[in-house]
């Protein structure tokens, strides 16, 4: 009951403040209304005090006139406030300061009137400041409300358990539900079953970190019964005194996901179809090369040899595209076994040293235990890193490859003294199709897939890959492989099978 009473009271105050005391309301009132209201209020209070003179007259001459000044200022602005102050001072001096019904010119009574006037002027000043501050706050709130209500993204606020406390109208555009329907939903029943555990773990991570903001892509059940893809950014503002909830910004990106899937399917099919004819062309080129060598036709043999080099590049590009489609589809196969990483590094370096006469690859290795993983895929990562070091340091004579062993993992680093990467672009080098530009803005050959593939390979084998670099000062690419990867992967496999 008390809560409802306060609710209605504050609603009433809000309406009065907006339509009677706000700066916008004052500006719309005619001159005669603002001053007329002050005169009527002054007359009413004066008659009231004269009627009850013995109680609120002589004893407290200025009582109630402070209220008149405040109300007149709120209703009509500064002008009517000052007008009310002057009239109130004159009325009090004549009617309510003894002896009554005459004006006073002695020092004591004049000081009383002067203090009253100064106090009223202070009240008028404060009232104006409050009105202006209220107007600014209201405008800011209205602007924020308009932005939220008209945002293309759905915006929802939930408590710690996931119960929706607020939802913006754009929820209907994204998910088909009205605001009322969405607030009544149990959000966990609308998450795709395959992603339920992932979403709950994600939500729990956000709950543990006040102020954190994280994004996730997942499926949500649309009102029409279809599953739609939602890009969801969740921010933990439970500790924020004005919010006290978890804010979710989301949008329906189903169309974009479908288009990307179509593009990936096309790339996968096209790449797979290209692989067979290119492999056949390479086989024919090698046959021709042997025949030309046998016949002594060296000019033709050199041309075929150059063609074979370009075919190798084309086959490598096709292989990268195939790997990307496998990664995106979650079908990147790993053939794991125990192998000697030092031996693998030596093999890769020896092979790549033959491809360059301008660089010397220097090895600094530490002997460590055999590690478990996909030897061919790790070899692919090493080839990518060292090939990039050669490509992006054309004027550098040395490339350092070093291996560090500790109790928990093995770290491999490839250092060059080439172009380097600026701070703004260091994290982007592991994204699909990212390419580093040269000094004049020219890009080096390639699709920008090598580091993306390397990142995914290392991640799938429990490791981490990163880069340390400065523009113009070369780069150091490193990756770590855990020594206990086999035990972790077998434990994960066992848990998955038990589920």
Protein backbone atom coordinates (compact mmCIF):
# COMPACT_ATOMS: atom_id res chain seq x y z
CA UNK A 1 0.00 0.00 0.00
CA UNK A 2 2.73 2.44 1.03
CA UNK A 3 4.79 1.54 -2.04
CA UNK A 4 1.80 2.22 -4.31
CA UNK A 5 1.15 5.55 -2.59
CA UNK A 6 4.73 6.68 -3.14
CA UNK A 7 4.51 5.55 -6.75
CA UNK A 8 1.43 7.69 -7.41
CA UNK A 9 2.92 10.60 -5.49
CA UNK A 10 6.12 10.65 -7.55
CA UNK A 11 4.11 10.29 -10.76
CA UNK A 12 2.04 13.34 -9.73
CA UNK A 13 5.19 15.34 -8.89
CA UNK A 14 6.71 14.37 -12.24
CA UNK A 15 3.62 15.58 -14.13
CA UNK A 16 3.48 18.84 -12.15
CA UNK A 17 7.18 19.47 -12.70
CA UNK A 18 6.91 18.80 -16.43
CA UNK A 19 3.78 20.77 -17.25
CA UNK A 20 3.83 23.53 -14.60
CA UNK A 21 7.42 24.21 -13.52
CA UNK A 22 9.58 23.15 -16.49
CA UNK A 23 11.46 25.75 -18.53
CA UNK A 24 9.61 24.68 -21.69
CA UNK A 25 6.23 25.21 -20.00
CA UNK A 26 7.24 28.68 -18.76
CA UNK A 27 8.25 29.77 -22.26
CA UNK A 28 4.85 28.85 -23.69
CA UNK A 29 2.88 30.99 -21.18
CA UNK A 30 1.82 34.52 -22.14
CA UNK A 31 3.10 37.52 -20.16
CA UNK A 32 -0.25 38.28 -18.56
CA UNK A 33 -0.74 34.66 -17.40
CA UNK A 34 2.62 34.52 -15.64
CA UNK A 35 2.22 37.85 -13.85
CA UNK A 36 -1.51 37.40 -13.32
CA UNK A 37 -0.87 34.11 -11.52
CA UNK A 38 1.59 35.87 -9.19
CA UNK A 39 -0.92 38.65 -8.40
CA UNK A 40 -3.70 36.16 -7.66
CA UNK A 41 -1.41 34.12 -5.43
CA UNK A 42 -0.24 37.25 -3.56
CA UNK A 43 -3.83 38.39 -3.05
CA UNK A 44 -4.90 34.98 -1.77
CA UNK A 45 -2.06 34.69 0.74
CA UNK A 46 -2.51 38.27 1.93
CA UNK A 47 -6.23 37.74 2.55
CA UNK A 48 -5.44 34.46 4.34
CA UNK A 49 -2.92 36.15 6.63
CA UNK A 50 -5.30 39.05 7.33
CA UNK A 51 -8.06 36.57 8.18
CA UNK A 52 -5.82 34.73 10.66
CA UNK A 53 -3.77 37.75 11.67
CA UNK A 54 -3.40 36.69 15.30
CA UNK A 55 -1.72 33.42 14.29
CA UNK A 56 0.27 34.16 11.14
CA UNK A 57 0.27 37.91 10.93
CA UNK A 58 2.25 40.03 13.36
CA UNK A 59 4.16 37.13 14.90
CA UNK A 60 5.58 35.87 11.58
CA UNK A 61 5.15 38.68 9.02
CA UNK A 62 7.00 36.97 6.17
CA UNK A 63 5.57 33.48 6.65
CA UNK A 64 3.99 32.03 3.45
CA UNK A 65 5.44 34.78 1.22
CA UNK A 66 8.60 32.71 0.71
CA UNK A 67 6.31 30.03 -0.73
CA UNK A 68 4.64 32.64 -2.95
CA UNK A 69 8.00 33.69 -4.39
CA UNK A 70 9.08 30.09 -5.03
CA UNK A 71 5.79 29.13 -6.72
CA UNK A 72 5.65 32.35 -8.77
CA UNK A 73 9.24 31.78 -9.96
CA UNK A 74 8.55 28.15 -10.87
CA UNK A 75 5.36 29.01 -12.72
CA UNK A 76 6.34 32.28 -14.43
CA UNK A 77 10.12 32.53 -14.33
CA UNK A 78 12.54 35.04 -12.83
CA UNK A 79 10.47 38.14 -13.72
CA UNK A 80 7.33 37.14 -11.82
CA UNK A 81 9.56 35.90 -8.97
CA UNK A 82 11.19 39.32 -8.53
CA UNK A 83 7.81 41.01 -8.94
CA UNK A 84 6.36 38.79 -6.19
CA UNK A 85 9.33 39.59 -3.94
CA UNK A 86 8.85 43.35 -4.25
CA UNK A 87 5.07 43.23 -3.71
CA UNK A 88 5.48 40.80 -0.78
CA UNK A 89 8.00 43.14 0.87
CA UNK A 90 5.64 46.13 0.49
CA UNK A 91 2.60 44.15 1.77
CA UNK A 92 4.49 42.78 4.79
CA UNK A 93 5.88 46.20 5.67
CA UNK A 94 2.42 47.81 5.54
CA UNK A 95 0.11 45.10 6.95
CA UNK A 96 2.14 42.79 9.18
CA UNK A 97 5.04 44.70 10.76
CA UNK A 98 3.83 46.60 13.84
CA UNK A 99 2.51 49.17 13.97
CA UNK A 100 0.30 47.77 11.18
CA UNK A 101 -1.44 49.61 8.33
CA UNK A 102 1.42 52.02 7.77
CA UNK A 103 4.84 52.07 6.14
CA UNK A 104 7.96 52.04 8.31
CA UNK A 105 11.14 53.99 7.85
CA UNK A 106 13.12 52.97 10.89
CA UNK A 107 16.34 51.01 10.65
CA UNK A 108 15.16 47.79 12.38
CA UNK A 109 12.08 47.28 10.20
CA UNK A 110 13.96 48.16 7.02
CA UNK A 111 16.64 45.60 7.80
CA UNK A 112 13.95 42.92 8.22
CA UNK A 113 12.46 43.79 4.83
CA UNK A 114 15.90 43.92 3.19
CA UNK A 115 16.86 40.49 4.57
CA UNK A 116 13.55 39.11 3.31
CA UNK A 117 14.23 40.53 -0.18
CA UNK A 118 17.78 39.10 -0.23
CA UNK A 119 16.56 35.68 0.87
CA UNK A 120 13.90 35.71 -1.85
CA UNK A 121 16.45 36.68 -4.49
CA UNK A 122 18.60 33.76 -3.34
CA UNK A 123 15.59 31.44 -3.61
CA UNK A 124 14.85 32.78 -7.11
CA UNK A 125 18.46 32.15 -8.15
CA UNK A 126 18.40 28.62 -6.74
CA UNK A 127 15.03 27.92 -8.33
CA UNK A 128 16.34 29.01 -11.73
CA UNK A 129 19.43 26.84 -11.35
CA UNK A 130 17.32 23.84 -10.36
CA UNK A 131 14.95 24.43 -13.28
CA UNK A 132 17.84 24.63 -15.75
CA UNK A 133 19.51 21.54 -14.28
CA UNK A 134 16.24 19.63 -14.40
CA UNK A 135 15.76 20.64 -18.02
CA UNK A 136 19.24 19.40 -18.93
CA UNK A 137 18.70 16.11 -17.10
CA UNK A 138 15.30 15.65 -18.74
CA UNK A 139 16.68 16.39 -22.21
CA UNK A 140 19.54 13.94 -21.66
CA UNK A 141 17.11 11.28 -20.43
CA UNK A 142 14.76 11.89 -23.35
CA UNK A 143 17.65 11.72 -25.83
CA UNK A 144 18.92 8.49 -24.30
CA UNK A 145 15.41 7.04 -24.23
CA UNK A 146 14.90 7.95 -27.90
CA UNK A 147 18.21 6.35 -28.87
CA UNK A 148 17.40 3.15 -26.98
CA UNK A 149 13.81 2.95 -28.21
CA UNK A 150 14.81 3.51 -31.85
CA UNK A 151 18.02 1.48 -31.88
CA UNK A 152 18.32 -1.11 -34.63
CA UNK A 153 19.79 -3.49 -32.03
CA UNK A 154 17.62 -5.19 -29.47
CA UNK A 155 18.47 -4.04 -25.95
CA UNK A 156 17.50 -5.97 -22.84
CA UNK A 157 18.37 -5.72 -19.17
CA UNK A 158 18.22 -8.83 -16.98
CA UNK A 159 18.97 -9.66 -13.39
CA UNK A 160 21.65 -12.11 -12.28
CA UNK A 161 19.40 -15.13 -12.90
CA UNK A 162 18.60 -14.08 -16.46
CA UNK A 163 15.06 -12.75 -15.82
CA UNK A 164 14.33 -9.87 -18.22
CA UNK A 165 13.66 -6.56 -16.46
CA UNK A 166 13.57 -4.31 -19.55
CA UNK A 167 13.40 -4.81 -23.32
CA UNK A 168 13.43 -2.24 -26.14
CA UNK A 169 10.79 -2.24 -28.92
CA UNK A 170 13.44 -3.35 -31.46
CA UNK A 171 13.22 -6.82 -29.88
CA UNK A 172 10.19 -7.40 -32.12
CA UNK A 173 12.22 -6.65 -35.25
CA UNK A 174 15.03 -8.97 -34.19
CA UNK A 175 13.12 -11.89 -32.67
CA UNK A 176 9.43 -11.36 -33.46
CA UNK A 177 8.28 -11.00 -29.84
CA UNK A 178 6.59 -7.91 -28.45
CA UNK A 179 8.18 -6.29 -25.42
CA UNK A 180 5.48 -7.76 -23.15
CA UNK A 181 5.97 -11.26 -24.63
CA UNK A 182 9.74 -11.07 -24.43
CA UNK A 183 9.73 -10.00 -20.78
CA UNK A 184 7.58 -13.01 -19.88
CA UNK A 185 9.85 -15.50 -21.66
CA UNK A 186 12.26 -17.82 -19.95
CA UNK A 187 15.29 -16.99 -22.15
CA UNK A 188 16.99 -20.32 -21.47
CA UNK A 189 14.14 -22.19 -23.19
CA UNK A 190 14.79 -20.28 -26.43
CA UNK A 191 18.51 -21.10 -26.72
CA UNK A 192 19.44 -23.80 -29.22
CA UNK A 193 20.03 -27.10 -27.32
CA UNK A 194 23.43 -27.61 -28.97
CA UNK A 195 24.62 -24.26 -27.63
CA UNK A 196 22.93 -24.30 -24.21
CA UNK A 197 26.01 -25.35 -22.22
CA UNK A 198 28.24 -22.90 -24.07
CA UNK A 199 25.86 -19.99 -23.45
CA UNK A 200 25.45 -20.83 -19.75
CA UNK A 201 29.23 -21.00 -19.28
CA UNK A 202 29.59 -17.73 -21.21
CA UNK A 203 26.94 -16.05 -19.03
CA UNK A 204 28.58 -17.39 -15.86
CA UNK A 205 31.94 -15.92 -16.96
CA UNK A 206 30.32 -12.51 -17.46
CA UNK A 207 28.63 -12.73 -14.04
CA UNK A 208 31.97 -13.28 -12.34
CA UNK A 209 33.49 -10.07 -13.71
CA UNK A 210 31.67 -6.77 -12.95
CA UNK A 211 32.01 -4.24 -15.76
CA UNK A 212 33.14 -6.80 -18.34
CA UNK A 213 31.66 -6.87 -21.84
CA UNK A 214 31.82 -9.98 -24.05
CA UNK A 215 30.28 -11.00 -27.37
CA UNK A 216 29.01 -14.33 -28.62
CA UNK A 217 27.25 -15.66 -31.72
CA UNK A 218 24.44 -18.15 -31.09
CA UNK A 219 21.02 -19.32 -32.24
CA UNK A 220 17.72 -18.19 -30.72
CA UNK A 221 14.17 -19.40 -31.31
CA UNK A 222 12.22 -16.78 -33.29
CA UNK A 223 8.52 -16.28 -32.58
CA UNK A 224 7.73 -17.83 -35.98
CA UNK A 225 9.37 -21.08 -34.85
CA UNK A 226 12.61 -20.79 -36.84
CA UNK A 227 16.12 -20.65 -35.44
CA UNK A 228 17.84 -17.33 -36.08
CA UNK A 229 21.47 -16.35 -35.59
CA UNK A 230 21.98 -13.64 -33.00
CA UNK A 231 25.11 -11.59 -32.37
CA UNK A 232 24.93 -10.85 -28.66
CA UNK A 233 27.10 -8.51 -26.58
CA UNK A 234 26.56 -8.89 -22.83
CA UNK A 235 27.81 -6.33 -20.29
CA UNK A 236 27.80 -6.93 -16.54
CA UNK A 237 26.46 -3.76 -14.87
CA UNK A 238 25.08 -5.40 -11.74
CA UNK A 239 27.32 -3.17 -9.63
CA UNK A 240 26.26 0.00 -11.47
CA UNK A 241 23.87 1.89 -9.15
CA UNK A 242 21.71 3.20 -12.01
CA UNK A 243 21.40 -0.12 -13.87
CA UNK A 244 21.85 -3.03 -11.43
CA UNK A 245 21.50 -5.57 -14.21
CA UNK A 246 23.09 -7.35 -17.12
CA UNK A 247 22.73 -5.43 -20.39
CA UNK A 248 22.37 -7.41 -23.62
CA UNK A 249 22.75 -5.77 -27.04
CA UNK A 250 21.79 -8.15 -29.80
CA UNK A 251 20.82 -8.20 -33.45
CA UNK A 252 19.54 -10.78 -35.88
CA UNK A 253 22.34 -11.55 -38.35
CA UNK A 254 20.83 -14.69 -39.87
CA UNK A 255 21.01 -13.28 -43.39
CA UNK A 256 24.69 -12.44 -42.99
CA UNK A 257 25.49 -15.88 -41.55
CA UNK A 258 23.67 -17.61 -44.41
CA UNK A 259 25.53 -15.52 -46.99
CA UNK A 260 28.88 -16.28 -45.33
CA UNK A 261 28.01 -19.99 -45.25
CA UNK A 262 27.12 -19.87 -48.95
CA UNK A 263 30.43 -18.15 -49.73
CA UNK A 264 32.37 -20.70 -47.68
CA UNK A 265 30.55 -23.56 -49.39
CA UNK A 266 31.33 -22.05 -52.78
CA UNK A 267 35.00 -21.57 -51.90
CA UNK A 268 35.18 -25.13 -50.58
CA UNK A 269 33.57 -26.66 -53.67
CA UNK A 270 35.52 -24.48 -56.10
CA UNK A 271 38.82 -25.17 -54.33
CA UNK A 272 38.19 -28.90 -54.22
CA UNK A 273 37.32 -28.92 -57.93
CA UNK A 274 40.46 -26.91 -58.75
CA UNK A 275 42.76 -29.26 -56.91
CA UNK A 276 42.36 -32.22 -59.28
CA UNK A 277 43.09 -30.41 -62.60
CA UNK A 278 45.98 -28.44 -61.08
CA UNK A 279 47.53 -31.64 -59.73
CA UNK A 280 47.17 -33.18 -63.22
CA UNK A 281 48.80 -30.14 -64.85
CA UNK A 282 51.71 -30.40 -62.42
CA UNK A 283 52.15 -34.10 -63.24
CA UNK A 284 52.21 -33.31 -66.99
CA UNK A 285 54.69 -30.48 -66.35
CA UNK A 286 57.06 -32.85 -64.56
CA UNK A 287 56.80 -35.37 -67.42
CA UNK A 288 57.58 -32.59 -69.93
CA UNK A 289 60.50 -31.42 -67.80
CA UNK A 290 62.04 -34.89 -67.79
CA UNK A 291 61.57 -35.23 -71.57
CA UNK A 292 63.12 -31.84 -72.30
CA UNK A 293 66.05 -32.65 -70.01
CA UNK A 294 66.50 -35.98 -71.80
CA UNK A 295 66.37 -34.32 -75.24
CA UNK A 296 68.73 -31.55 -74.14
CA UNK A 297 66.19 -28.80 -74.83
CA UNK A 298 67.29 -26.59 -71.93
CA UNK A 299 65.27 -23.49 -72.92
CA UNK A 300 62.04 -25.47 -72.89
CA UNK A 301 63.07 -27.23 -69.68
CA UNK A 302 63.70 -23.87 -67.95
CA UNK A 303 60.28 -22.61 -69.03
CA UNK A 304 58.57 -25.75 -67.74
CA UNK A 305 60.56 -25.51 -64.49
CA UNK A 306 59.31 -21.93 -63.98
CA UNK A 307 55.80 -23.12 -64.73
CA UNK A 308 56.24 -25.84 -62.10
CA UNK A 309 57.27 -23.23 -59.51
CA UNK A 310 54.08 -21.24 -60.19
CA UNK A 311 52.01 -24.42 -60.01
CA UNK A 312 53.52 -25.13 -56.59
CA UNK A 313 52.39 -21.67 -55.44
CA UNK A 314 48.92 -22.30 -56.84
CA UNK A 315 48.72 -25.69 -55.11
CA UNK A 316 49.78 -24.06 -51.81
CA UNK A 317 47.03 -21.42 -52.18
CA UNK A 318 44.46 -24.11 -52.92
CA UNK A 319 45.65 -26.05 -49.88
CA UNK A 320 45.22 -22.97 -47.69
CA UNK A 321 41.68 -22.42 -48.98
CA UNK A 322 40.83 -26.06 -48.33
CA UNK A 323 42.21 -25.77 -44.78
CA UNK A 324 40.12 -22.65 -44.14
CA UNK A 325 36.92 -24.36 -45.25
CA UNK A 326 37.76 -27.33 -43.01
CA UNK A 327 38.44 -25.02 -40.05
CA UNK A 328 35.17 -23.13 -40.52
CA UNK A 329 33.26 -26.40 -40.79
CA UNK A 330 35.04 -27.86 -37.75
CA UNK A 331 36.52 -30.67 -39.86
CA UNK A 332 40.24 -29.92 -39.62
CA UNK A 333 41.62 -33.41 -38.98
CA UNK A 334 44.63 -33.90 -36.71
CA UNK A 335 46.80 -37.02 -37.04
CA UNK A 336 48.49 -37.03 -33.65
CA UNK A 337 51.57 -38.94 -32.57
CA UNK A 338 54.77 -38.48 -30.57
CA UNK A 339 57.55 -36.68 -32.47
CA UNK A 340 60.81 -34.80 -31.93
CA UNK A 341 60.18 -31.07 -32.38
CA UNK A 342 63.91 -30.29 -32.75
CA UNK A 343 64.15 -32.76 -35.59
CA UNK A 344 61.08 -31.24 -37.28
CA UNK A 345 62.49 -27.70 -36.97
CA UNK A 346 65.79 -28.81 -38.50
CA UNK A 347 63.97 -30.43 -41.44
CA UNK A 348 61.83 -27.36 -42.15
CA UNK A 349 64.76 -24.94 -41.87
CA UNK A 350 66.94 -27.08 -44.15
CA UNK A 351 64.17 -27.21 -46.75
CA UNK A 352 63.41 -23.47 -46.66
CA UNK A 353 67.08 -22.44 -46.65
CA UNK A 354 67.28 -23.85 -50.20
CA UNK A 355 64.56 -21.39 -51.32
CA UNK A 356 66.54 -18.23 -50.48
CA UNK A 357 70.06 -17.02 -51.19
CA UNK A 358 69.59 -13.66 -49.46
CA UNK A 359 68.84 -14.94 -45.99
CA UNK A 360 70.68 -17.11 -43.49
CA UNK A 361 68.43 -19.01 -41.12
CA UNK A 362 70.17 -19.38 -37.74
CA UNK A 363 69.02 -22.09 -35.34
CA UNK A 364 69.20 -21.91 -31.54
CA UNK A 365 67.59 -25.06 -30.16
CA UNK A 366 67.25 -26.67 -26.73
CA UNK A 367 66.83 -30.40 -26.42
CA UNK A 368 63.48 -31.37 -24.94
CA UNK A 369 61.22 -34.40 -24.66
CA UNK A 370 59.15 -35.71 -27.52
CA UNK A 371 55.80 -33.97 -27.75
CA UNK A 372 52.40 -35.26 -28.77
CA UNK A 373 50.48 -33.70 -31.63
CA UNK A 374 50.14 -33.45 -35.39
CA UNK A 375 53.67 -33.28 -36.75
CA UNK A 376 52.60 -32.33 -40.29
CA UNK A 377 50.39 -29.48 -39.09
CA UNK A 378 53.09 -28.09 -36.79
CA UNK A 379 55.45 -28.33 -39.75
CA UNK A 380 52.91 -26.30 -41.72
CA UNK A 381 52.95 -23.61 -38.99
CA UNK A 382 56.75 -23.47 -38.97
CA UNK A 383 56.82 -23.22 -42.77
CA UNK A 384 54.32 -20.34 -42.65
CA UNK A 385 56.27 -18.41 -40.02
CA UNK A 386 59.69 -18.84 -41.62
CA UNK A 387 58.35 -18.18 -45.15
CA UNK A 388 56.72 -14.98 -43.88
CA UNK A 389 60.00 -13.94 -42.23
CA UNK A 390 61.76 -14.38 -45.59
CA UNK A 391 59.00 -12.58 -47.52
CA UNK A 392 58.64 -9.58 -45.20
CA UNK A 393 62.35 -8.95 -44.59
CA UNK A 394 63.73 -8.67 -48.14
CA UNK A 395 66.72 -6.58 -47.04
CA UNK A 396 67.51 -8.54 -43.86
CA UNK A 397 70.28 -11.11 -43.98
CA UNK A 398 69.44 -13.12 -40.87
CA UNK A 399 66.41 -14.98 -39.58
CA UNK A 400 66.62 -16.52 -36.12
CA UNK A 401 64.69 -19.62 -35.16
CA UNK A 402 64.96 -20.59 -31.51
CA UNK A 403 63.32 -23.16 -29.28
CA UNK A 404 62.91 -22.81 -25.49
CA UNK A 405 61.98 -25.73 -23.21
CA UNK A 406 60.51 -25.39 -19.72
CA UNK A 407 58.65 -27.66 -17.34
CA UNK A 408 55.19 -27.16 -18.87
CA UNK A 409 55.64 -26.31 -22.55
CA UNK A 410 57.95 -25.77 -25.49
CA UNK A 411 58.14 -22.36 -27.17
CA UNK A 412 59.26 -21.84 -30.77
CA UNK A 413 60.03 -18.34 -32.06
CA UNK A 414 60.92 -16.98 -35.50
CA UNK A 415 62.61 -13.58 -35.51
CA UNK A 416 63.22 -11.34 -38.52
CA UNK A 417 64.53 -7.79 -38.94
CA UNK A 418 62.09 -6.77 -41.62
CA UNK A 419 59.19 -4.37 -42.01
CA UNK A 420 57.57 -4.98 -38.64
CA UNK A 421 53.93 -4.51 -37.71
CA UNK A 422 52.39 -1.46 -36.05
CA UNK A 423 50.64 -1.80 -32.70
CA UNK A 424 47.21 -1.25 -34.25
CA UNK A 425 47.62 -4.22 -36.59
CA UNK A 426 49.37 -6.80 -34.41
CA UNK A 427 46.17 -8.60 -33.39
CA UNK A 428 44.76 -8.49 -36.93
CA UNK A 429 47.53 -10.58 -38.49
CA UNK A 430 45.81 -13.76 -37.28
CA UNK A 431 42.51 -12.86 -38.98
CA UNK A 432 41.38 -14.34 -42.29
CA UNK A 433 42.62 -12.53 -45.41
CA UNK A 434 44.67 -9.98 -43.48
CA UNK A 435 47.75 -8.88 -45.43
CA UNK A 436 50.68 -6.72 -44.31
CA UNK A 437 51.47 -3.79 -46.58
CA UNK A 438 54.95 -2.71 -47.64
CA UNK A 439 56.57 0.72 -47.13
CA UNK A 440 54.72 2.22 -50.09
CA UNK A 441 51.41 0.63 -49.19
CA UNK A 442 51.88 -2.26 -51.63
CA UNK A 443 50.72 -5.67 -50.45
CA UNK A 444 52.90 -8.75 -50.72
CA UNK A 445 51.64 -11.77 -52.68
CA UNK A 446 49.30 -14.19 -50.91
CA UNK A 447 45.75 -14.55 -49.65
CA UNK A 448 46.47 -13.69 -46.04
CA UNK A 449 45.47 -17.13 -44.76
CA UNK A 450 48.74 -18.59 -43.48
CA UNK A 451 48.71 -17.00 -40.03
CA UNK A 452 44.97 -17.60 -39.61
CA UNK A 453 45.49 -21.32 -40.34
CA UNK A 454 48.53 -21.39 -38.04
CA UNK A 455 46.52 -19.80 -35.24
CA UNK A 456 43.77 -22.42 -35.57
CA UNK A 457 46.26 -25.33 -35.71
CA UNK A 458 48.07 -24.18 -32.57
CA UNK A 459 44.81 -23.51 -30.73
CA UNK A 460 43.51 -26.98 -31.56
CA UNK A 461 46.64 -28.50 -30.05
CA UNK A 462 46.28 -26.64 -26.77
CA UNK A 463 48.86 -23.97 -27.52
CA UNK A 464 49.07 -20.22 -28.05
CA UNK A 465 50.54 -18.11 -30.84
CA UNK A 466 51.39 -14.40 -30.74
CA UNK A 467 53.58 -11.71 -32.26
CA UNK A 468 55.89 -9.06 -30.81
CA UNK A 469 56.70 -6.33 -33.29
CA UNK A 470 57.22 -2.65 -33.99
CA UNK A 471 56.87 -0.89 -37.31
CA UNK A 472 60.28 -0.83 -39.00
CA UNK A 473 62.00 -2.97 -36.34
CA UNK A 474 61.14 -6.50 -37.42
CA UNK A 475 58.90 -9.10 -35.81
CA UNK A 476 59.08 -12.11 -33.52
CA UNK A 477 56.36 -14.73 -34.02
CA UNK A 478 56.15 -17.32 -31.25
CA UNK A 479 53.97 -20.29 -30.37
CA UNK A 480 53.87 -22.62 -27.40
CA UNK A 481 52.88 -26.28 -27.26
CA UNK A 482 51.99 -27.85 -23.89
CA UNK A 483 53.91 -30.94 -22.85
CA UNK A 484 50.78 -32.42 -21.23
CA UNK A 485 48.61 -31.96 -24.35
CA UNK A 486 48.06 -35.73 -24.77
CA UNK A 487 46.79 -36.14 -21.21
CA UNK A 488 44.44 -33.15 -21.52
CA UNK A 489 43.09 -34.24 -24.90
CA UNK A 490 42.48 -37.81 -23.69
CA UNK A 491 40.69 -36.51 -20.57
CA UNK A 492 38.52 -34.25 -22.72
CA UNK A 493 37.75 -37.14 -25.05
CA UNK A 494 36.76 -39.36 -22.12
CA UNK A 495 34.47 -36.68 -20.63
CA UNK A 496 32.85 -36.09 -24.04
CA UNK A 497 32.24 -39.81 -24.55
CA UNK A 498 30.70 -40.12 -21.06
CA UNK A 499 28.29 -37.29 -21.89
